[in-house]
Structures are given as structure tokens and as C-alpha cells.
Protein backbone atom coordinates (compact mmCIF):
# COMPACT_ATOMS: atom_id res chain seq x y z
CA MET A 1 -21.58 -32.04 -10.01
CA LYS A 2 -22.54 -28.48 -9.22
CA GLN A 3 -25.05 -26.88 -11.56
CA LYS A 4 -25.20 -23.13 -11.96
CA GLN A 5 -28.59 -21.85 -10.87
CA GLU A 6 -30.47 -19.41 -13.04
CA SER A 7 -30.25 -15.87 -11.74
CA MET A 8 -33.30 -14.36 -10.05
CA SER A 9 -34.37 -10.79 -10.33
CA GLU A 10 -34.57 -8.74 -7.14
CA ALA A 11 -38.38 -8.90 -7.26
CA GLU A 12 -38.35 -12.70 -7.68
CA TYR A 13 -35.87 -13.06 -4.80
CA ILE A 14 -38.00 -10.91 -2.52
CA ALA A 15 -41.18 -12.77 -3.48
CA THR A 16 -39.51 -16.14 -2.88
CA PHE A 17 -37.44 -15.56 0.26
CA CYS A 18 -38.54 -12.36 2.01
CA ASN A 19 -42.04 -13.07 3.22
CA GLU A 20 -42.90 -12.60 6.85
CA LYS A 21 -43.94 -15.99 8.15
CA ARG A 22 -45.06 -16.77 11.65
CA ILE A 23 -43.83 -20.20 12.64
CA ARG A 24 -45.41 -21.41 15.85
CA ASN A 25 -43.89 -24.89 16.09
CA ARG A 26 -40.16 -24.54 15.57
CA TRP A 27 -37.21 -26.90 15.34
CA ALA A 28 -33.63 -25.79 15.85
CA VAL A 29 -31.23 -25.98 12.93
CA CYS A 30 -27.51 -25.46 13.47
CA VAL A 31 -25.45 -23.56 10.93
CA SER A 32 -21.80 -22.62 10.71
CA PRO A 33 -20.69 -19.18 11.93
CA GLU A 34 -20.03 -18.17 8.30
CA THR A 35 -23.55 -19.12 7.23
CA HIS A 36 -25.00 -17.32 10.24
CA LYS A 37 -23.16 -14.10 9.31
CA LEU A 38 -24.45 -14.32 5.74
CA LEU A 39 -27.97 -14.93 7.03
CA GLN A 40 -27.73 -11.88 9.29
CA LYS A 41 -26.60 -9.75 6.34
CA ALA A 42 -29.46 -11.02 4.18
CA VAL A 43 -32.04 -10.39 6.91
CA PHE A 44 -30.66 -6.88 7.46
CA THR A 45 -30.72 -6.18 3.71
CA PHE A 46 -34.40 -7.11 3.44
CA MET A 47 -35.61 -5.93 6.86
CA ASP A 48 -38.05 -3.50 5.16
CA TYR A 49 -40.03 -6.62 4.18
CA HIS A 50 -40.29 -7.71 7.85
CA VAL A 51 -38.33 -10.87 7.15
CA THR A 52 -36.81 -12.69 10.11
CA ALA A 53 -33.93 -15.15 10.15
CA VAL A 54 -36.39 -17.95 10.92
CA SER A 55 -38.75 -17.10 8.06
CA MET A 56 -35.87 -16.64 5.62
CA VAL A 57 -34.29 -20.00 6.51
CA ASP A 58 -37.70 -21.66 6.18
CA ALA A 59 -38.20 -20.08 2.74
CA ILE A 60 -34.68 -21.02 1.56
CA LEU A 61 -35.10 -24.64 2.64
CA SER A 62 -38.63 -24.88 1.20
CA HIS A 63 -37.37 -23.50 -2.13
CA HIS A 64 -34.46 -25.97 -2.13
CA PHE A 65 -36.71 -28.97 -1.44
CA GLU A 66 -39.22 -27.89 -4.09
CA THR A 67 -36.49 -27.21 -6.66
CA HIS A 68 -34.81 -30.58 -6.07
CA ARG A 69 -37.90 -32.63 -5.17
CA GLU A 70 -37.52 -35.22 -7.94
CA LEU A 71 -33.85 -35.91 -7.24
CA ILE A 72 -34.35 -36.10 -3.47
CA THR A 73 -37.33 -38.45 -3.90
CA GLN A 74 -35.38 -40.66 -6.31
CA LEU A 75 -32.35 -40.88 -4.01
CA TYR A 76 -34.56 -41.50 -0.97
CA THR A 77 -36.37 -44.32 -2.78
CA GLU A 78 -33.07 -45.89 -3.85
CA LYS A 79 -31.77 -45.69 -0.27
CA ILE A 80 -34.91 -47.40 1.08
CA GLU A 81 -34.66 -50.15 -1.54
CA LYS A 82 -30.97 -50.75 -0.75
CA THR A 83 -31.75 -50.90 2.96
CA PHE A 84 -34.57 -53.42 2.54
CA ASN A 85 -32.47 -55.51 0.14
CA PHE A 86 -29.66 -55.56 2.73
CA ILE A 87 -32.11 -56.60 5.48
CA ARG A 88 -33.48 -59.37 3.26
CA GLN A 89 -29.97 -60.66 2.56
CA GLU A 90 -29.05 -60.52 6.26
CA ASN A 91 -32.18 -62.53 7.11
CA ASN A 92 -31.63 -64.89 4.16
CA GLU A 93 -35.01 -63.90 2.77
CA PRO A 94 -35.54 -64.31 -0.96
CA ASP A 95 -35.73 -61.09 -2.95
CA SER A 96 -39.38 -60.39 -3.81
CA SER A 97 -38.34 -59.83 -7.44
CA ASP A 98 -37.45 -63.56 -7.58
CA ASP A 99 -40.96 -64.56 -6.47
CA GLU A 100 -42.79 -66.08 -9.44
CA THR A 101 -46.21 -65.36 -7.96
CA GLY A 102 -45.55 -61.63 -7.80
CA CYS A 103 -46.65 -61.62 -4.17
CA PRO A 104 -44.55 -59.88 -1.53
């Protein structure tokens, strides 16, 4: 379900997403043409703050991961547990929760 995000002021937006950041070790990220056009518009809008597309994308993703850290961590943990439970079942290993000694 989509939650409506609280609105940011212009100053908060600039402080969060429009910082010049030099990124020496980079990884490519592919985006749709529509997202790329929006990114170009945002970078142009805030070019007085020396923001680049790379630094803005980095800030947007960092903000997203920080904002949703608990949910992402919870879902990641559940995924790992499901994977290991599946592997145990495939190998006919007993589930460690059934172990009376409490040892793995």
C-alpha cells in the first residue's frame, strides 16, 4: 500500500538532496527514459547548488534506504530465513527450532 510522504520545505529538500558529492568509486544504475528526464529537470532546477545527476541519485537512494531501513531489514531477514528453511527442507535437515538442545 502506498503511503503519502510528508511534504518537505524547499530548504529541507535542498539540504537533503542537493549537496555536491564527489563519488570516486561508481556503479552504474539504469533508469527509464521518463525517470532520466525528471532527473535532468531536477538537476537543472538546483544547478546553483552544484548538484550533479550522480550526487542527486546517491542522495535520493540514501534517503530512501534510511527512511525505510526497518522495513527493508525486516523483509531481508524474512527472505533469508525462508531461504535457509527451504534449503534445510531440501536437504532433509531438521529445523533448528525443533532441536531440544537449542544448538544449531
